[in-house]
Amino acid sequence: QEEIQLNGMKVHICQSCGGEIIGDENSVATECVYCGSPTILTENISGVNRPKYIIPFKMDKKTAKERLKEFYKGKSLLPKEFSNKKHIDSIKGVYVPFWLFDCDADADITYKANRTHFWSDSNYDYTKTDHYMLKRKGKLSFEKIPVDASSKMDDAYMDSIEPFNYKQLVEFSEKYLSGYYADKYDVSLDASAPRANERVKRSTEDRFRDTVHGYESVFAESSRINVKNGKAEYTMLPVWLLSKKYKDKIYTFAMNGQTGKIVGELPIDKSKAFKYLFGITAAVFAVLQIFVWI
């Protein structure tokens, strides 16, 4: 496919109409702005840039739009430009690059715990507090811990739309990209590993803590967790995305393209909020006036 370098961007020539498509160096799948033809930039999914697996979209655009409308429903203070048809129609399906990590964790955690007893006799009330030291030691294995590999994506949003059903992973093929957008990873495996390790450590601590029962208070005095045998597979996962700038802030809606799980932050139209507050104040004043005249 013909391409031209332009200050770090790439100009690709649409093979359907000959139009120029400008994208960054990480673009994998896009569409021609002139004829709407899907375009797969094969040079960005070859060699080390080729994903091992992909989860195809299960939620189509119609479903995503309906879910977005439901998300907006009842939010009377939402600025009207967020709920208009043109904005909703601009929602895009994006294959987001992820690293899926497998690893083992050896853990040795010491807890301090308390258990309190109360009793009374004819003269006094008694309180006895017993102090315990508890040790937990063992090994956990983890599979397919997801870490998004795109600097464009908000990590908190990508974490919030989990989990994905990894039983539906299939071998990657370009055919799944047609009609969707996609980027290749720009956060390397090595750069993503600390986030995966941190998730492993938190999950290990939570799992071990769940084994401690029957105490009023428990806290970890020491925790040694060794993450080892790590490996990862480059994978693309389906996400519906819609972002809009409002009052110098970008608001994003994200939906898991497999399960439909939604996350998003919405602004408040201050003029609507003022009218709403004024309406409540006026109604209360009217009720007080009626009460006074009665």
Protein backbone atom coordinates (compact mmCIF):
# COMPACT_ATOMS: atom_id res chain seq x y z
CA GLN A 1 0.00 0.00 0.00
CA GLU A 2 1.37 3.39 -0.95
CA GLU A 3 2.25 5.72 1.90
CA ILE A 4 4.02 9.05 2.44
CA GLN A 5 5.82 10.16 5.62
CA LEU A 6 4.70 13.58 6.94
CA ASN A 7 6.22 14.89 10.18
CA GLY A 8 5.73 11.68 12.11
CA MET A 9 2.33 11.02 10.53
CA LYS A 10 1.62 8.70 7.64
CA VAL A 11 -0.43 9.56 4.59
CA HIS A 12 -2.00 6.40 3.19
CA ILE A 13 -3.62 6.28 -0.24
CA CYS A 14 -7.13 4.74 -0.25
CA GLN A 15 -7.19 1.93 -2.78
CA SER A 16 -10.92 2.42 -3.40
CA CYS A 17 -11.04 6.10 -4.33
CA GLY A 18 -7.43 7.32 -4.25
CA GLY A 19 -8.07 9.73 -1.38
CA GLU A 20 -5.35 10.51 1.17
CA ILE A 21 -5.88 9.12 4.66
CA ILE A 22 -3.76 10.71 7.37
CA GLY A 23 -3.02 8.64 10.46
CA ASP A 24 -0.34 8.34 13.09
CA GLU A 25 2.35 5.71 13.08
CA ASN A 26 0.29 3.43 15.34
CA SER A 27 -2.87 3.28 13.22
CA VAL A 28 -3.90 -0.24 12.24
CA ALA A 29 -7.49 0.05 11.02
CA THR A 30 -9.38 3.17 9.99
CA GLU A 31 -11.71 4.35 7.23
CA CYS A 32 -11.44 6.69 4.29
CA VAL A 33 -12.98 10.08 5.05
CA TYR A 34 -13.97 10.46 1.39
CA CYS A 35 -15.62 7.17 0.47
CA GLY A 36 -15.99 5.49 3.87
CA SER A 37 -14.11 2.36 2.79
CA PRO A 38 -12.49 0.38 5.62
CA THR A 39 -8.71 0.52 5.43
CA ILE A 40 -6.34 -1.97 7.05
CA LEU A 41 -2.78 -0.70 7.37
CA THR A 42 -1.06 -4.05 7.09
CA GLU A 43 2.44 -2.71 7.70
CA ASN A 44 1.42 -1.99 11.33
CA ILE A 45 0.25 -5.55 12.02
CA SER A 46 3.19 -7.50 10.69
CA GLY A 47 6.09 -9.12 12.50
CA VAL A 48 6.34 -8.11 16.17
CA ASN A 49 3.36 -5.77 15.69
CA ARG A 50 1.02 -8.64 14.85
CA PRO A 51 -1.32 -9.59 17.72
CA LYS A 52 -1.53 -13.22 18.79
CA TYR A 53 -5.21 -13.13 19.73
CA ILE A 54 -8.34 -11.01 19.36
CA ILE A 55 -11.81 -10.99 20.89
CA PRO A 56 -14.29 -10.02 18.14
CA PHE A 57 -17.00 -7.44 18.80
CA LYS A 58 -20.20 -9.00 20.16
CA MET A 59 -22.07 -5.68 20.58
CA ASP A 60 -22.77 -3.98 17.24
CA LYS A 61 -23.05 -0.23 16.71
CA LYS A 62 -26.85 -0.23 17.03
CA THR A 63 -26.61 -1.91 20.41
CA ALA A 64 -23.83 0.44 21.53
CA LYS A 65 -25.94 3.47 20.63
CA GLU A 66 -28.95 2.10 22.50
CA ARG A 67 -26.81 1.43 25.56
CA LEU A 68 -25.44 4.98 25.36
CA LYS A 69 -28.97 6.40 25.19
CA GLU A 70 -29.88 4.37 28.27
CA PHE A 71 -26.76 5.70 29.99
CA TYR A 72 -27.92 9.27 29.26
CA LYS A 73 -31.58 8.57 30.14
CA GLY A 74 -32.94 10.47 33.13
CA LYS A 75 -29.92 12.77 33.38
CA SER A 76 -31.84 16.02 33.00
CA LEU A 77 -28.82 18.24 33.67
CA LEU A 78 -26.79 16.75 30.82
CA PRO A 79 -25.86 19.33 28.13
CA LYS A 80 -28.11 18.77 25.11
CA GLU A 81 -25.21 18.35 22.69
CA PHE A 82 -24.32 15.07 24.43
CA SER A 83 -27.68 13.45 23.74
CA ASN A 84 -28.27 14.68 20.18
CA LYS A 85 -28.33 12.13 17.38
CA LYS A 86 -25.23 13.43 15.59
CA HIS A 87 -23.10 12.99 18.69
CA ILE A 88 -24.43 9.51 19.49
CA ASP A 89 -23.97 8.41 15.87
CA SER A 90 -20.27 9.26 16.08
CA ILE A 91 -19.56 6.44 18.55
CA LYS A 92 -16.69 4.26 17.27
CA GLY A 93 -15.72 0.66 17.70
CA VAL A 94 -12.02 0.39 18.52
CA TYR A 95 -9.81 -2.64 18.92
CA VAL A 96 -7.57 -1.62 21.82
CA PRO A 97 -4.14 -3.26 22.14
CA PHE A 98 -3.57 -5.17 25.38
CA TRP A 99 -0.87 -7.32 26.91
CA LEU A 100 -2.31 -10.41 28.64
CA PHE A 101 0.10 -11.55 31.35
CA ASP A 102 0.55 -15.00 32.88
CA CYS A 103 2.71 -15.43 35.98
CA ASP A 104 3.14 -17.09 39.38
CA ALA A 105 3.30 -15.38 42.76
CA ASP A 106 5.04 -16.75 45.87
CA ALA A 107 3.73 -15.00 48.98
CA ASP A 108 4.70 -14.91 52.65
CA ILE A 109 2.47 -12.58 54.69
CA THR A 110 2.36 -12.02 58.44
CA TYR A 111 -0.76 -10.53 60.07
CA LYS A 112 -1.47 -9.14 63.51
CA ALA A 113 -5.01 -9.76 64.73
CA ASN A 114 -7.12 -9.07 67.80
CA ARG A 115 -10.04 -10.88 69.39
CA THR A 116 -11.95 -9.26 72.28
CA HIS A 117 -14.15 -10.93 74.93
CA PHE A 118 -16.62 -9.26 77.27
CA TRP A 119 -18.24 -10.63 80.44
CA SER A 120 -19.62 -9.42 83.75
CA ASP A 121 -20.19 -10.57 87.32
CA SER A 122 -22.13 -9.01 90.12
CA ASN A 123 -19.42 -6.42 90.74
CA TYR A 124 -17.57 -5.69 87.53
CA ASP A 125 -17.63 -5.63 83.74
CA TYR A 126 -14.60 -7.26 82.14
CA THR A 127 -12.86 -6.88 78.81
CA LYS A 128 -10.11 -9.18 77.58
CA THR A 129 -8.24 -8.64 74.33
CA ASP A 130 -6.16 -11.46 72.87
CA HIS A 131 -3.44 -10.64 70.36
CA TYR A 132 -2.41 -13.05 67.63
CA MET A 133 0.31 -13.31 65.02
CA LEU A 134 -0.83 -15.17 61.91
CA LYS A 135 1.29 -16.37 59.02
CA ARG A 136 0.13 -17.22 55.53
CA LYS A 137 2.44 -18.70 52.94
CA GLY A 138 1.69 -20.12 49.52
CA LYS A 139 1.69 -19.83 45.76
CA LEU A 140 -0.87 -18.49 43.30
CA SER A 141 -0.93 -18.72 39.52
CA PHE A 142 -2.44 -15.98 37.35
CA GLU A 143 -3.60 -16.11 33.75
CA LYS A 144 -4.45 -13.35 31.29
CA ILE A 145 -4.04 -10.28 33.47
CA PRO A 146 -4.97 -7.42 31.10
CA VAL A 147 -2.90 -4.25 30.78
CA ASP A 148 -3.85 -1.85 27.99
CA ALA A 149 -0.91 -1.13 25.72
CA SER A 150 -2.03 2.19 24.22
CA SER A 151 -0.93 5.53 25.66
CA LYS A 152 -4.11 7.06 24.17
CA MET A 153 -6.36 5.03 26.45
CA ASP A 154 -7.21 6.03 30.01
CA ASP A 155 -5.99 3.14 32.18
CA ALA A 156 -8.78 3.68 34.71
CA TYR A 157 -11.45 3.41 31.98
CA MET A 158 -9.90 0.27 30.51
CA ASP A 159 -9.69 -1.31 33.98
CA SER A 160 -13.30 -0.36 34.72
CA ILE A 161 -14.85 -2.13 31.71
CA GLU A 162 -13.29 -5.46 32.68
CA PRO A 163 -13.74 -8.35 32.80
CA PHE A 164 -13.52 -9.83 29.31
CA ASN A 165 -14.46 -13.44 28.68
CA TYR A 166 -11.20 -14.94 27.49
CA LYS A 167 -12.89 -18.15 26.41
CA GLN A 168 -13.86 -16.17 23.31
CA LEU A 169 -10.26 -15.38 22.34
CA VAL A 170 -9.50 -16.43 18.77
CA GLU A 171 -6.37 -16.36 16.65
CA PHE A 172 -5.87 -12.89 15.21
CA SER A 173 -7.01 -12.27 11.66
CA GLU A 174 -7.30 -9.02 9.69
CA LYS A 175 -10.89 -9.91 8.82
CA TYR A 176 -12.04 -8.91 12.31
CA LEU A 177 -10.74 -5.34 11.86
CA SER A 178 -12.96 -4.46 8.91
CA GLY A 179 -15.39 -1.69 9.86
CA TYR A 180 -13.59 -0.81 13.09
CA TYR A 181 -10.69 1.34 14.22
CA ALA A 182 -7.53 -0.11 15.73
CA ASP A 183 -4.09 0.97 16.91
CA LYS A 184 -1.00 -1.09 17.51
CA TYR A 185 0.63 -0.96 20.92
CA ASP A 186 2.86 1.96 21.83
CA VAL A 187 3.45 0.88 25.44
CA SER A 188 5.99 -1.91 25.37
CA LEU A 189 5.84 -5.22 27.19
CA ASP A 190 8.59 -4.12 29.59
CA ALA A 191 6.85 -0.81 30.30
CA SER A 192 3.55 -2.60 30.99
CA ALA A 193 4.99 -5.25 33.31
CA PRO A 194 5.02 -3.05 36.48
CA ARG A 195 1.26 -2.48 36.20
CA ALA A 196 0.69 -6.22 35.81
CA ASN A 197 2.93 -6.95 38.79
CA GLU A 198 1.09 -4.42 40.94
CA ARG A 199 -2.25 -6.03 40.07
CA VAL A 200 -0.83 -9.46 40.93
CA LYS A 201 0.41 -8.24 44.30
CA ARG A 202 -2.92 -6.59 45.19
CA SER A 203 -4.87 -9.68 44.16
CA THR A 204 -2.52 -11.95 46.11
CA GLU A 205 -2.86 -9.83 49.24
CA ASP A 206 -6.66 -9.81 48.90
CA ARG A 207 -6.82 -13.58 48.39
CA PHE A 208 -4.61 -14.30 51.40
CA ARG A 209 -6.52 -11.79 53.55
CA ASP A 210 -9.75 -13.66 52.75
CA THR A 211 -8.33 -16.70 54.57
CA VAL A 212 -8.20 -14.85 57.93
CA HIS A 213 -11.52 -15.10 59.78
CA GLY A 214 -12.94 -14.57 63.26
CA TYR A 215 -11.02 -11.51 64.43
CA GLU A 216 -12.20 -8.00 65.21
CA SER A 217 -9.19 -6.39 63.56
CA VAL A 218 -6.54 -7.67 61.20
CA PHE A 219 -3.65 -5.88 59.53
CA ALA A 220 -0.64 -7.05 57.56
CA GLU A 221 2.58 -6.53 59.48
CA SER A 222 4.80 -7.74 56.66
CA SER A 223 4.23 -8.87 53.09
CA ARG A 224 6.74 -10.50 50.76
CA ILE A 225 5.43 -11.34 47.30
CA ASN A 226 7.70 -12.58 44.54
CA VAL A 227 6.29 -12.49 41.00
CA LYS A 228 8.00 -14.91 38.62
CA ASN A 229 7.64 -16.94 35.42
CA GLY A 230 6.00 -14.00 33.70
CA LYS A 231 5.05 -14.01 30.03
CA ALA A 232 2.54 -12.08 27.94
CA GLU A 233 0.62 -12.29 24.68
CA TYR A 234 -0.21 -9.31 22.49
CA THR A 235 -3.99 -9.16 22.07
CA MET A 236 -6.69 -6.82 20.75
CA LEU A 237 -9.89 -6.33 22.75
CA PRO A 238 -13.14 -4.65 21.57
CA VAL A 239 -14.23 -1.29 23.02
CA TRP A 240 -16.89 1.21 21.95
CA LEU A 241 -15.66 4.76 22.57
CA LEU A 242 -17.13 8.24 22.41
CA SER A 243 -15.42 11.40 23.63
CA LYS A 244 -16.49 15.03 23.62
CA LYS A 245 -14.86 18.21 24.82
CA TYR A 246 -17.06 20.41 26.99
CA LYS A 247 -15.92 23.48 28.94
CA ASP A 248 -12.23 22.67 28.37
CA LYS A 249 -12.57 19.10 29.62
CA ILE A 250 -12.87 15.88 27.63
CA TYR A 251 -15.65 13.51 28.71
CA THR A 252 -15.41 9.89 27.60
CA PHE A 253 -17.92 7.05 27.35
CA ALA A 254 -16.50 3.54 27.06
CA MET A 255 -18.30 0.23 26.65
CA ASN A 256 -16.92 -3.28 26.64
CA GLY A 257 -17.64 -4.44 23.08
CA GLN A 258 -18.02 -8.03 24.25
CA THR A 259 -20.07 -7.80 27.48
CA GLY A 260 -21.67 -4.33 27.24
CA LYS A 261 -20.25 -3.11 30.57
CA ILE A 262 -20.24 0.72 30.62
CA VAL A 263 -18.17 3.43 32.25
CA GLY A 264 -18.30 7.17 31.71
CA GLU A 265 -18.16 10.63 33.24
CA LEU A 266 -20.81 13.20 32.38
CA PRO A 267 -20.84 16.99 32.70
CA ILE A 268 -23.56 19.18 34.17
CA ASP A 269 -25.09 22.06 32.24
CA LYS A 270 -24.86 24.88 34.79
CA SER A 271 -27.65 26.87 33.14
CA LYS A 272 -29.97 23.86 33.44
CA ALA A 273 -28.87 23.33 37.03
CA PHE A 274 -29.63 26.99 37.84
CA LYS A 275 -33.08 26.78 36.25
CA TYR A 276 -33.76 23.54 38.10
CA LEU A 277 -32.67 25.05 41.41
CA PHE A 278 -34.64 28.24 40.69
CA GLY A 279 -37.72 26.12 39.94
CA ILE A 280 -37.43 24.27 43.24
CA THR A 281 -36.88 27.52 45.13
CA ALA A 282 -39.91 29.12 43.44
CA ALA A 283 -42.06 26.07 44.24
CA VAL A 284 -41.03 26.12 47.91
CA PHE A 285 -41.72 29.85 48.08
CA ALA A 286 -45.17 29.32 46.56
CA VAL A 287 -45.98 26.62 49.12
CA LEU A 288 -44.87 28.95 51.94
CA GLN A 289 -47.05 31.75 50.58
CA ILE A 290 -50.03 29.42 50.44
CA PHE A 291 -49.32 28.25 53.97
CA VAL A 292 -49.14 31.87 55.21
CA TRP A 293 -52.41 32.84 53.54
CA ILE A 294 -54.15 29.75 54.88
